[in-house]
Amino acid sequence: MNKVIPTPMKPWKPSALDKLEDLLLIVAAFGVAGASVKFTGLNGKLGFFFSLFFALLILNFGFHYLKRGTAAAKDSLLQVLTVMAIVITCIPIVSIVGTVVSKGYKGLHWGILTKDMALASVNDPIANGGLLHALVGTILMVGGALIISFPIGVLTALYLTEIRGPLARPIKFLVQAMSGVPSIVAGLFILSSLIYPVTKELSGLMGSLALTILMIPTIARTSEEMLHLIPNELREAGVALGGTQWRTVAGVVLPAAKSGLVTAIILGIARIIGETAPLLLVSGGGDALNVNPTQGAMGSLPYYIWKSFLTGGTPEAFARAWGGMLVLLSFIFILFGLARYLSGRKVG
């Protein structure tokens, strides 16, 4: 006798009729919003948006109240509020990205990544010069900051999660407090504590040190959260096999949290790659390619953008600035994409 396996049902899934009703409600809300803008004092896109928002709230609430009762009406009300919150959050993001792309592509040319600005000014034709010096400077300064920040941030996270000594609470408080330090404060600290009394020179190394102050909290906090995700059973297994605490941490915990630590690195880089204020104070912002971070002024992408806007005033200067922003934004998107990919992988 053959057994008949019933088809799984999904009563929560909207039917075709439900989708049609939702579409008609949206169309009706647009009609009400258009009428409100035309026949009332509401003007422009902002007035239309608010009219659409309140029309959707009222129509959805009323329709579902009449059809299914109070519970369904409240549920539809929260759905509209959630969708509107998502739309409001996405509007500035889409606007920023769209503006940078629409204006930045005009500043792109074949030599933008192979030339510097040593023999060109921001007001010259776009084909003259490029941002090689700024790109190399950003990579060197961010790389220097990473070399210093990563061990400090990871060791701090290990102390907070594995050692949990008497200083754990004040250290955690300081890490959280450092996360809110304005970037210009980091630059002023390096300027007053190292450049004026010691080196007497602006350089890429000083820029790396300023960025380090901003990078350490991000790496420490992200690494701490990733280490909390490691099951305690792995630690207990390492100790049960005769390993010391540090042997267990080095051989079991850190390898299991490898993808999380890589995510911490990427988020830390994305945090500082666009910082402008500290680099304006301590890096010197040169226009020529400089691969020695310990000597001479060093350019960066934020400085390149700032200088193009400040000292320009011509369409060419603005195109260079927007082109630099497009390159910088592309790097940030790549880094955050890598972070999302790596953080989504299974820990261990």
Protein backbone atom coordinates (compact mmCIF):
# COMPACT_ATOMS: atom_id res chain seq x y z
CA MET A 1 0.00 0.00 0.00
CA ASN A 2 1.45 3.27 -1.11
CA LYS A 3 1.59 6.00 1.51
CA VAL A 4 0.48 9.41 0.38
CA ILE A 5 2.73 12.15 1.73
CA PRO A 6 0.75 15.37 2.07
CA THR A 7 2.21 18.48 0.51
CA PRO A 8 3.56 20.87 3.17
CA MET A 9 1.28 23.85 3.62
CA LYS A 10 2.37 27.43 4.15
CA PRO A 11 -0.64 29.28 5.53
CA TRP A 12 1.50 32.32 6.34
CA LYS A 13 2.55 32.80 2.72
CA PRO A 14 0.59 35.62 0.98
CA SER A 15 -1.74 34.40 -1.72
CA ALA A 16 -2.14 35.99 -5.13
CA LEU A 17 -5.25 37.80 -3.88
CA ASP A 18 -3.36 39.18 -0.87
CA LYS A 19 -0.60 40.49 -3.14
CA LEU A 20 -3.18 42.12 -5.43
CA GLU A 21 -4.87 43.79 -2.46
CA ASP A 22 -1.53 45.14 -1.21
CA LEU A 23 -0.75 46.48 -4.69
CA LEU A 24 -4.13 48.23 -4.89
CA LEU A 25 -3.58 49.78 -1.46
CA ILE A 26 -0.19 51.13 -2.59
CA VAL A 27 -1.71 52.56 -5.77
CA ALA A 28 -4.51 54.16 -3.73
CA ALA A 29 -1.94 55.63 -1.32
CA PHE A 30 -0.03 57.18 -4.21
CA GLY A 31 -3.27 58.67 -5.50
CA VAL A 32 -4.13 60.13 -2.10
CA ALA A 33 -0.60 61.52 -1.74
CA GLY A 34 -0.76 63.13 -5.18
CA ALA A 35 -4.12 64.69 -4.39
CA SER A 36 -2.81 65.97 -1.06
CA VAL A 37 0.14 67.67 -2.73
CA LYS A 38 -2.07 69.22 -5.39
CA PHE A 39 -4.94 70.48 -3.24
CA THR A 40 -3.19 71.28 0.06
CA GLY A 41 -0.19 73.31 1.15
CA LEU A 42 2.20 70.35 0.97
CA ASN A 43 4.88 70.93 -1.67
CA GLY A 44 7.78 69.06 -3.21
CA LYS A 45 9.18 65.61 -2.63
CA LEU A 46 9.14 65.91 1.15
CA GLY A 47 5.44 66.76 1.22
CA PHE A 48 4.64 63.90 -1.15
CA PHE A 49 6.65 61.46 0.98
CA PHE A 50 4.86 62.39 4.20
CA SER A 51 1.48 62.27 2.44
CA LEU A 52 2.30 58.81 1.07
CA PHE A 53 3.45 57.63 4.49
CA PHE A 54 0.29 58.69 6.33
CA ALA A 55 -1.95 57.49 3.48
CA LEU A 56 -0.36 54.03 3.64
CA LEU A 57 -0.76 53.94 7.41
CA ILE A 58 -4.44 54.89 7.32
CA LEU A 59 -5.44 52.76 4.32
CA ASN A 60 -3.59 49.65 5.52
CA PHE A 61 -4.93 49.96 9.04
CA GLY A 62 -8.50 50.54 7.91
CA PHE A 63 -8.52 47.79 5.28
CA HIS A 64 -7.05 45.08 7.51
CA TYR A 65 -9.22 46.16 10.44
CA LEU A 66 -12.37 45.72 8.38
CA LYS A 67 -11.17 42.45 6.83
CA ARG A 68 -9.45 40.58 9.69
CA GLY A 69 -9.87 42.58 12.89
CA THR A 70 -7.73 44.51 15.33
CA ALA A 71 -4.75 42.11 15.45
CA ALA A 72 -4.28 42.18 11.66
CA ALA A 73 -4.67 45.97 11.64
CA LYS A 74 -1.91 46.38 14.23
CA ASP A 75 0.31 43.99 12.30
CA SER A 76 -0.18 45.96 9.06
CA LEU A 77 0.57 49.19 10.95
CA LEU A 78 3.92 47.82 12.13
CA GLN A 79 4.69 46.52 8.63
CA VAL A 80 4.20 49.98 7.12
CA LEU A 81 6.33 51.59 9.85
CA THR A 82 9.09 49.03 9.27
CA VAL A 83 9.10 49.50 5.50
CA MET A 84 9.15 53.27 5.86
CA ALA A 85 12.04 53.08 8.31
CA ILE A 86 14.00 50.96 5.83
CA VAL A 87 13.23 53.41 3.01
CA ILE A 88 14.30 56.39 5.12
CA THR A 89 17.54 54.60 5.99
CA CYS A 90 18.29 53.73 2.36
CA ILE A 91 17.53 57.18 0.92
CA PRO A 92 20.76 58.89 2.10
CA ILE A 93 22.87 55.85 1.20
CA VAL A 94 21.46 55.64 -2.32
CA SER A 95 21.72 59.42 -2.69
CA ILE A 96 25.37 59.50 -1.63
CA VAL A 97 26.39 56.58 -3.83
CA GLY A 98 24.41 57.90 -6.80
CA THR A 99 25.90 61.39 -6.47
CA VAL A 100 29.48 60.10 -6.17
CA VAL A 101 29.10 57.78 -9.16
CA SER A 102 27.33 60.34 -11.36
CA LYS A 103 29.95 63.02 -10.69
CA GLY A 104 32.99 60.85 -10.05
CA TYR A 105 33.19 59.06 -13.38
CA LYS A 106 34.05 62.40 -15.03
CA GLY A 107 37.31 62.46 -13.09
CA LEU A 108 38.41 59.01 -14.21
CA HIS A 109 40.94 58.50 -17.00
CA TRP A 110 43.45 55.89 -18.07
CA GLY A 111 46.37 57.40 -16.16
CA ILE A 112 44.61 58.12 -12.90
CA LEU A 113 46.29 55.17 -11.13
CA THR A 114 49.70 55.52 -12.79
CA LYS A 115 50.49 59.27 -12.43
CA ASP A 116 50.94 61.64 -9.52
CA MET A 117 50.41 65.40 -9.19
CA ALA A 118 54.08 66.42 -8.96
CA LEU A 119 53.99 68.18 -12.36
CA ALA A 120 50.30 69.08 -12.46
CA SER A 121 47.82 71.16 -10.50
CA VAL A 122 44.23 70.39 -9.67
CA ASN A 123 43.07 72.95 -12.26
CA ASP A 124 44.89 71.30 -15.16
CA PRO A 125 43.02 69.10 -17.65
CA ILE A 126 41.85 65.80 -16.20
CA ALA A 127 44.31 63.77 -18.27
CA ASN A 128 47.24 65.57 -16.58
CA GLY A 129 48.30 63.91 -13.37
CA GLY A 130 46.58 61.27 -11.28
CA LEU A 131 46.25 59.95 -7.76
CA LEU A 132 49.01 57.35 -7.68
CA HIS A 133 50.77 59.21 -4.86
CA ALA A 134 47.54 59.44 -2.86
CA LEU A 135 46.71 55.77 -3.36
CA VAL A 136 50.19 54.58 -2.41
CA GLY A 137 50.26 56.94 0.57
CA THR A 138 46.91 55.68 1.81
CA ILE A 139 48.03 52.04 1.45
CA LEU A 140 51.30 52.68 3.31
CA MET A 141 49.75 54.67 6.15
CA VAL A 142 46.83 52.30 6.61
CA GLY A 143 49.21 49.33 6.40
CA GLY A 144 51.47 50.87 9.04
CA ALA A 145 48.50 51.50 11.29
CA LEU A 146 47.37 47.89 10.81
CA ILE A 147 50.80 46.49 11.74
CA ILE A 148 50.64 48.36 15.05
CA SER A 149 46.92 48.06 15.76
CA PHE A 150 46.27 44.40 15.03
CA PRO A 151 48.51 42.83 17.72
CA ILE A 152 47.42 45.41 20.31
CA GLY A 153 43.73 44.98 19.47
CA VAL A 154 43.84 41.17 19.46
CA LEU A 155 45.85 40.99 22.70
CA THR A 156 43.37 43.38 24.31
CA ALA A 157 40.48 41.18 23.16
CA LEU A 158 42.24 38.08 24.49
CA TYR A 159 42.74 39.72 27.86
CA LEU A 160 39.04 40.66 28.03
CA THR A 161 37.77 37.23 26.95
CA GLU A 162 40.39 34.71 28.13
CA ILE A 163 42.28 36.26 31.05
CA ARG A 164 39.51 38.41 32.54
CA GLY A 165 41.90 39.90 35.05
CA PRO A 166 41.25 42.73 37.50
CA LEU A 167 41.87 45.35 34.79
CA ALA A 168 39.30 43.92 32.39
CA ARG A 169 36.54 46.32 33.38
CA PRO A 170 38.59 49.56 33.10
CA ILE A 171 40.22 48.35 29.87
CA LYS A 172 36.82 47.60 28.34
CA PHE A 173 35.61 51.03 29.40
CA LEU A 174 38.66 52.70 27.83
CA VAL A 175 38.22 50.77 24.58
CA GLN A 176 34.60 51.87 24.37
CA ALA A 177 35.56 55.45 25.19
CA MET A 178 38.28 55.46 22.52
CA SER A 179 35.70 54.40 19.95
CA GLY A 180 34.05 57.80 20.31
CA VAL A 181 37.23 59.91 20.19
CA PRO A 182 37.00 62.50 17.37
CA SER A 183 39.53 61.82 14.67
CA ILE A 184 41.04 65.30 14.88
CA VAL A 185 41.92 64.65 18.53
CA ALA A 186 44.10 61.74 17.43
CA GLY A 187 45.91 64.01 14.98
CA LEU A 188 46.39 66.75 17.57
CA PHE A 189 47.76 64.21 20.06
CA ILE A 190 50.43 62.98 17.62
CA LEU A 191 51.19 66.56 16.57
CA SER A 192 51.74 67.79 20.13
CA SER A 193 53.40 64.70 21.60
CA LEU A 194 55.68 63.53 18.76
CA ILE A 195 56.00 65.98 15.89
CA TYR A 196 56.62 69.25 17.75
CA PRO A 197 58.91 67.92 20.51
CA VAL A 198 60.60 64.99 18.74
CA THR A 199 60.59 64.58 14.95
CA LYS A 200 59.94 68.21 13.87
CA GLU A 201 58.68 66.80 10.55
CA LEU A 202 55.40 65.75 9.02
CA SER A 203 55.52 62.25 7.55
CA GLY A 204 53.52 59.18 6.67
CA LEU A 205 54.66 57.43 9.84
CA MET A 206 53.01 60.12 11.94
CA GLY A 207 49.85 59.62 9.90
CA SER A 208 49.98 55.89 10.65
CA LEU A 209 50.32 56.56 14.36
CA ALA A 210 47.33 58.90 14.31
CA LEU A 211 45.26 56.31 12.45
CA THR A 212 46.40 53.66 14.92
CA ILE A 213 44.62 55.48 17.75
CA LEU A 214 41.37 55.26 15.76
CA MET A 215 41.89 51.70 14.57
CA ILE A 216 42.69 49.93 17.85
CA PRO A 217 39.18 50.23 19.37
CA THR A 218 37.51 48.83 16.24
CA ILE A 219 39.81 45.81 16.06
CA ALA A 220 39.65 45.20 19.82
CA ARG A 221 35.85 45.33 20.04
CA THR A 222 35.28 43.25 16.90
CA SER A 223 37.86 40.65 17.97
CA GLU A 224 36.27 40.46 21.42
CA GLU A 225 32.86 39.72 19.93
CA MET A 226 34.31 37.10 17.61
CA LEU A 227 36.16 35.37 20.47
CA HIS A 228 32.92 35.25 22.47
CA LEU A 229 31.45 33.12 19.66
CA ILE A 230 34.00 30.35 20.17
CA PRO A 231 32.35 27.52 22.17
CA ASN A 232 33.79 26.94 25.63
CA GLU A 233 33.92 23.22 24.83
CA LEU A 234 36.93 23.88 22.57
CA ARG A 235 38.78 25.57 25.42
CA GLU A 236 37.89 22.77 27.83
CA ALA A 237 39.04 20.16 25.30
CA GLY A 238 42.40 21.87 24.91
CA VAL A 239 42.94 22.03 28.67
CA ALA A 240 41.80 18.42 29.08
CA LEU A 241 44.49 17.32 26.62
CA GLY A 242 47.13 18.89 28.85
CA GLY A 243 47.60 22.22 27.16
CA THR A 244 48.24 25.38 29.14
CA GLN A 245 45.88 28.30 28.81
CA TRP A 246 48.06 30.16 26.32
CA ARG A 247 48.79 26.96 24.39
CA THR A 248 45.03 26.40 24.13
CA VAL A 249 44.44 29.99 23.06
CA ALA A 250 47.19 29.90 20.44
CA GLY A 251 46.44 26.44 19.11
CA VAL A 252 42.66 26.19 19.42
CA VAL A 253 40.87 29.50 20.07
CA LEU A 254 42.68 31.77 17.62
CA PRO A 255 42.57 29.30 14.69
CA ALA A 256 38.85 28.81 15.32
CA ALA A 257 38.32 32.58 15.26
CA LYS A 258 40.49 33.14 12.18
CA SER A 259 37.71 34.35 9.87
CA GLY A 260 36.41 36.64 12.61
CA LEU A 261 39.82 38.20 13.13
CA VAL A 262 40.13 38.80 9.40
CA THR A 263 36.76 40.54 9.57
CA ALA A 264 38.07 42.69 12.41
CA ILE A 265 41.04 43.71 10.27
CA ILE A 266 38.83 44.65 7.32
CA LEU A 267 36.42 46.65 9.48
CA GLY A 268 39.35 48.42 11.12
CA ILE A 269 40.77 49.39 7.73
CA ALA A 270 37.38 50.58 6.51
CA ARG A 271 37.07 52.67 9.67
CA ILE A 272 40.21 54.71 9.03
CA ILE A 273 40.73 54.65 5.26
CA GLY A 274 38.61 57.76 4.74
CA GLU A 275 39.78 59.79 7.75
CA THR A 276 40.88 63.27 6.75
CA ALA A 277 41.37 65.43 9.84
CA PRO A 278 44.37 63.63 11.41
CA LEU A 279 46.15 63.28 8.07
CA LEU A 280 45.79 66.99 7.34
CA LEU A 281 47.66 67.71 10.57
CA VAL A 282 50.45 65.14 10.58
CA SER A 283 51.10 63.61 7.12
CA GLY A 284 52.03 66.74 5.16
CA GLY A 285 49.95 65.80 2.12
CA GLY A 286 52.57 65.74 -0.62
CA ASP A 287 51.75 65.78 -4.33
CA ALA A 288 54.65 63.56 -5.43
CA LEU A 289 54.98 59.82 -5.00
CA ASN A 290 56.75 59.01 -1.72
CA VAL A 291 57.28 55.41 -0.66
CA ASN A 292 59.29 56.25 2.48
CA PRO A 293 56.85 56.80 5.35
CA THR A 294 59.57 57.98 7.72
CA GLN A 295 60.73 60.95 5.66
CA GLY A 296 58.95 63.70 3.78
CA ALA A 297 55.32 64.58 3.24
CA MET A 298 53.04 61.80 2.08
CA GLY A 299 49.79 62.17 0.19
CA SER A 300 46.56 60.29 0.77
CA LEU A 301 43.17 59.94 -0.88
CA PRO A 302 41.35 62.07 1.72
CA TYR A 303 43.98 64.81 1.38
CA TYR A 304 43.78 64.62 -2.43
CA ILE A 305 40.00 65.10 -2.30
CA TRP A 306 40.21 67.91 0.25
CA LYS A 307 42.88 69.79 -1.69
CA SER A 308 40.98 69.49 -4.98
CA PHE A 309 37.90 71.04 -3.40
CA LEU A 310 39.76 73.71 -1.43
CA THR A 311 42.39 75.00 -3.85
CA GLY A 312 40.49 74.40 -7.07
CA GLY A 313 37.27 76.08 -8.04
CA THR A 314 37.31 74.94 -11.66
CA PRO A 315 35.30 72.08 -13.20
CA GLU A 316 38.54 70.09 -13.56
CA ALA A 317 39.32 70.41 -9.85
CA PHE A 318 35.82 69.34 -8.85
CA ALA A 319 36.00 66.40 -11.27
CA ARG A 320 39.29 65.29 -9.68
CA ALA A 321 37.76 65.50 -6.21
CA TRP A 322 34.70 63.48 -7.18
CA GLY A 323 36.91 60.97 -8.99
CA GLY A 324 39.01 60.55 -5.85
CA MET A 325 35.84 60.04 -3.83
CA LEU A 326 34.68 57.37 -6.26
CA VAL A 327 37.97 55.48 -5.92
CA LEU A 328 37.85 55.78 -2.12
CA LEU A 329 34.22 54.69 -1.98
CA SER A 330 35.02 51.70 -4.17
CA PHE A 331 37.73 50.59 -1.75
CA ILE A 332 35.35 50.94 1.20
CA PHE A 333 32.64 48.92 -0.53
CA ILE A 334 35.15 46.20 -1.38
CA LEU A 335 36.33 46.05 2.23
CA PHE A 336 32.82 45.91 3.67
CA GLY A 337 31.86 43.28 1.12
CA LEU A 338 34.81 41.14 2.21
CA ALA A 339 33.86 41.69 5.85
CA ARG A 340 30.28 40.57 5.21
CA TYR A 341 31.48 37.51 3.32
CA LEU A 342 33.98 36.47 5.97
CA SER A 343 31.67 37.19 8.91
CA GLY A 344 28.99 35.05 7.29
CA ARG A 345 31.26 32.01 7.16
CA LYS A 346 31.00 29.36 9.85
CA VAL A 347 33.31 30.09 12.76
CA GLY A 348 36.07 27.51 12.96
